[in-house]
Protein backbone atom coordinates (compact mmCIF):
# COMPACT_ATOMS: atom_id res chain seq x y z
CA MET A 1 0.00 0.00 0.00
CA SER A 2 2.74 2.48 0.88
CA SER A 3 4.24 2.19 -2.61
CA VAL A 4 0.93 3.27 -4.21
CA VAL A 5 -0.62 5.84 -1.86
CA GLY A 6 0.06 9.37 -3.07
CA THR A 7 1.80 8.50 -6.34
CA GLY A 8 -0.82 10.42 -8.34
CA PHE A 9 0.44 13.67 -6.85
CA ASP A 10 3.99 13.50 -8.23
CA PHE A 11 3.12 16.11 -10.88
CA LEU A 12 2.79 18.70 -8.10
CA ARG A 13 6.57 18.76 -7.66
CA SER A 14 7.00 20.70 -10.94
CA SER A 15 6.19 24.10 -9.39
CA GLU A 16 6.91 25.95 -6.16
CA THR A 17 3.20 26.09 -5.35
CA GLY A 18 2.76 22.42 -6.08
CA MET A 19 5.81 21.45 -4.07
CA SER A 20 4.46 23.04 -0.89
CA LEU A 21 1.23 21.09 -1.36
CA TYR A 22 3.11 17.90 -2.23
CA GLU A 23 5.00 18.04 1.06
CA VAL A 24 1.74 18.27 3.00
CA PHE A 25 0.24 15.46 0.91
CA GLU A 26 3.22 13.29 1.86
CA MET A 27 2.33 13.85 5.51
CA VAL A 28 -1.33 12.97 4.86
CA CYS A 29 -0.34 9.84 2.93
CA GLU A 30 1.99 8.65 5.69
CA LEU A 31 -0.71 9.30 8.25
CA THR A 32 -3.30 7.43 6.17
CA ILE A 33 -1.00 4.41 6.02
CA ALA A 34 -0.39 4.61 9.78
CA LEU A 35 -4.14 4.86 10.45
CA ASP A 36 -4.70 1.82 8.25
CA GLN A 37 -2.05 -0.11 10.19
CA TYR A 38 -3.61 1.00 13.47
CA THR A 39 -7.08 -0.09 12.31
CA ARG A 40 -5.82 -3.50 11.17
CA GLY A 41 -3.98 -3.93 14.48
CA GLY A 42 -1.08 -5.91 13.12
CA VAL A 43 2.35 -6.41 14.62
CA GLY A 44 4.18 -3.10 14.80
CA ALA A 45 1.02 -1.03 14.31
CA PRO A 46 1.26 2.41 15.92
CA ASP A 47 -0.79 3.37 18.95
CA MET A 48 -3.44 6.04 18.50
CA ILE A 49 -1.70 8.25 21.05
CA ASP A 50 1.33 8.31 18.72
CA LEU A 51 -0.80 9.25 15.71
CA LEU A 52 -2.58 12.23 17.27
CA PRO A 53 0.28 14.76 17.04
CA ALA A 54 0.96 13.77 13.41
CA ARG A 55 -2.74 14.07 12.62
CA SER A 56 -2.90 17.55 14.12
CA ALA A 57 0.28 18.65 12.32
CA ALA A 58 -0.97 17.40 8.94
CA GLN A 59 -4.34 19.09 9.37
CA HIS A 60 -2.69 22.33 10.47
CA GLN A 61 -0.40 22.33 7.44
CA LEU A 62 -3.30 21.60 5.09
CA LEU A 63 -5.36 24.43 6.56
CA SER A 64 -2.41 26.85 6.55
CA LEU A 65 -1.62 26.67 2.84
CA ASP A 66 -2.57 29.80 0.90
CA PHE A 67 -2.52 29.79 -2.89
CA SER A 68 -4.27 33.11 -3.46
CA GLU A 69 -1.01 34.80 -4.46
CA GLY A 70 2.35 33.64 -5.69
CA GLU A 71 4.89 33.50 -8.48
CA ASP A 72 3.39 30.46 -10.19
CA ASP A 73 0.90 30.40 -13.01
CA VAL A 74 -2.73 31.10 -12.06
CA VAL A 75 -3.79 27.66 -13.32
CA ASP A 76 -1.14 26.04 -11.09
CA ARG A 77 -2.41 28.00 -8.08
CA LYS A 78 -6.05 27.15 -8.87
CA THR A 79 -5.15 23.48 -9.32
CA ALA A 80 -3.31 23.52 -6.00
CA GLU A 81 -6.33 25.04 -4.26
CA ILE A 82 -8.62 22.42 -5.82
CA CYS A 83 -6.27 19.72 -4.52
CA ARG A 84 -6.16 21.34 -1.08
CA ILE A 85 -9.95 21.48 -0.77
CA ALA A 86 -10.28 17.90 -2.03
CA ALA A 87 -7.66 16.86 0.52
CA LEU A 88 -9.65 18.60 3.27
CA ILE A 89 -12.68 16.54 2.21
CA PHE A 90 -10.54 13.40 2.37
CA SER A 91 -9.24 14.49 5.74
CA ASP A 92 -12.76 14.98 7.06
CA MET A 93 -13.61 11.44 5.98
CA VAL A 94 -10.41 9.65 7.04
CA VAL A 95 -7.79 11.63 8.94
CA PHE A 96 -9.48 14.32 11.03
CA PRO A 97 -13.26 13.84 10.96
CA VAL A 98 -15.38 16.56 12.51
CA PRO A 99 -18.93 16.05 13.79
CA ALA A 100 -21.58 15.91 11.04
CA ALA A 101 -23.40 18.77 12.74
CA GLN A 102 -20.56 21.06 11.61
CA GLN A 103 -21.63 20.48 7.96
CA MET A 104 -17.99 20.45 6.84
CA LYS A 105 -18.48 18.13 3.85
CA PRO A 106 -21.30 20.18 2.25
CA PHE A 107 -19.34 23.38 2.88
CA LEU A 108 -16.19 21.98 1.26
CA ALA A 109 -18.18 20.46 -1.62
CA ALA A 110 -19.73 23.86 -2.36
CA ARG A 111 -16.30 25.52 -2.23
CA LEU A 112 -14.79 22.87 -4.50
CA LYS A 113 -17.62 23.29 -7.02
CA ILE A 114 -16.92 27.03 -7.24
CA LEU A 115 -13.23 26.33 -7.83
CA LEU A 116 -13.90 23.68 -10.48
CA GLU A 117 -16.35 25.94 -12.29
CA GLY A 118 -13.83 28.78 -12.09
CA LEU A 119 -11.16 26.88 -13.99
CA GLY A 120 -12.74 27.55 -17.37
CA VAL A 121 -12.57 25.40 -20.48
CA ASP A 122 -9.07 26.48 -21.57
CA ALA A 123 -7.55 25.82 -18.16
CA LEU A 124 -9.18 22.40 -17.93
CA GLN A 125 -6.97 21.22 -20.77
CA ASN A 126 -3.87 22.15 -18.74
CA VAL A 127 -4.94 20.38 -15.55
CA ASN A 128 -4.13 16.76 -14.79
CA ALA A 129 -7.30 14.81 -15.72
CA GLU A 130 -6.77 12.21 -13.00
CA ILE A 131 -6.51 14.91 -10.35
CA LEU A 132 -9.74 16.51 -11.59
CA LEU A 133 -11.43 13.12 -11.42
CA TRP A 134 -10.08 12.54 -7.90
CA ALA A 135 -11.28 15.96 -6.73
CA THR A 136 -14.67 15.57 -8.43
CA THR A 137 -15.15 12.13 -6.88
CA LEU A 138 -14.42 13.49 -3.40
CA GLY A 139 -16.72 16.44 -4.07
CA CYS A 140 -19.46 14.04 -5.14
CA ILE A 141 -19.10 11.99 -1.98
CA ALA A 142 -19.03 15.11 0.20
CA SER A 143 -22.13 16.52 -1.50
CA THR A 144 -24.25 13.38 -1.00
CA PHE A 145 -26.88 15.28 0.98
CA ALA A 146 -26.26 18.71 -0.53
CA THR A 147 -27.72 20.62 -3.46
CA GLU A 148 -24.47 20.28 -5.45
CA HIS A 149 -24.75 16.49 -5.68
CA ASP A 150 -26.48 16.41 -9.10
CA TRP A 151 -23.85 18.78 -10.50
CA TYR A 152 -21.07 16.50 -9.27
CA LEU A 153 -22.76 13.41 -10.72
CA GLN A 154 -22.96 15.14 -14.09
CA GLN A 155 -19.32 16.17 -13.89
CA LEU A 156 -18.30 12.60 -13.07
CA LYS A 157 -20.27 11.28 -16.05
CA THR A 158 -18.63 13.84 -18.34
CA GLN A 159 -15.12 13.19 -17.04
CA LEU A 160 -15.50 9.42 -17.18
CA SER A 161 -16.92 9.45 -20.69
CA SER A 162 -13.92 11.40 -21.94
CA SER A 163 -11.38 9.24 -20.09
CA ARG A 164 -10.03 5.78 -20.61
CA ILE A 165 -11.86 4.50 -17.54
CA PRO A 166 -14.59 2.13 -18.74
CA ASP A 167 -16.26 1.24 -15.45
CA TRP A 168 -16.29 1.51 -11.65
CA PHE A 169 -13.72 -1.26 -11.19
CA ALA A 170 -11.21 0.52 -13.39
CA LEU A 171 -11.85 3.76 -11.49
CA GLN A 172 -11.08 2.04 -8.18
CA LYS A 173 -7.60 1.12 -9.42
């Protein structure tokens, strides 16, 4: 598992903006693997008390990133922000869940939709298609009980029809 988790984010290392996000994603990936080991309870699995500081540090870093300004291309900054919001959705589901009453998933899904819509047709051609699919999938899950859900379903259909992913099983890989 550790040789696969996070490999789709290697493209982020090509820019300064992306590199700062990549470093945080490495933390989240390592933490995800550690949480999986903890959950499985195998030999050498970490204790939860040892995971808590790493979880807090990863969440803090993810929340502290700011891509509103910078030297990099606007599309790179927008892509980084899309990745950051999608990662916050992932975090809310796996790494640092907050109570459902906080409505974090619908809030993040609405924010992600605005960002995805703001990319524009020309920029979409310059963004990694797999990352867009990853972000859209997380947005769809997060919007399950929100008004944006139908929009996300349509986006997934569009993205999947234009990709080389024939079915759900291929998407899971």
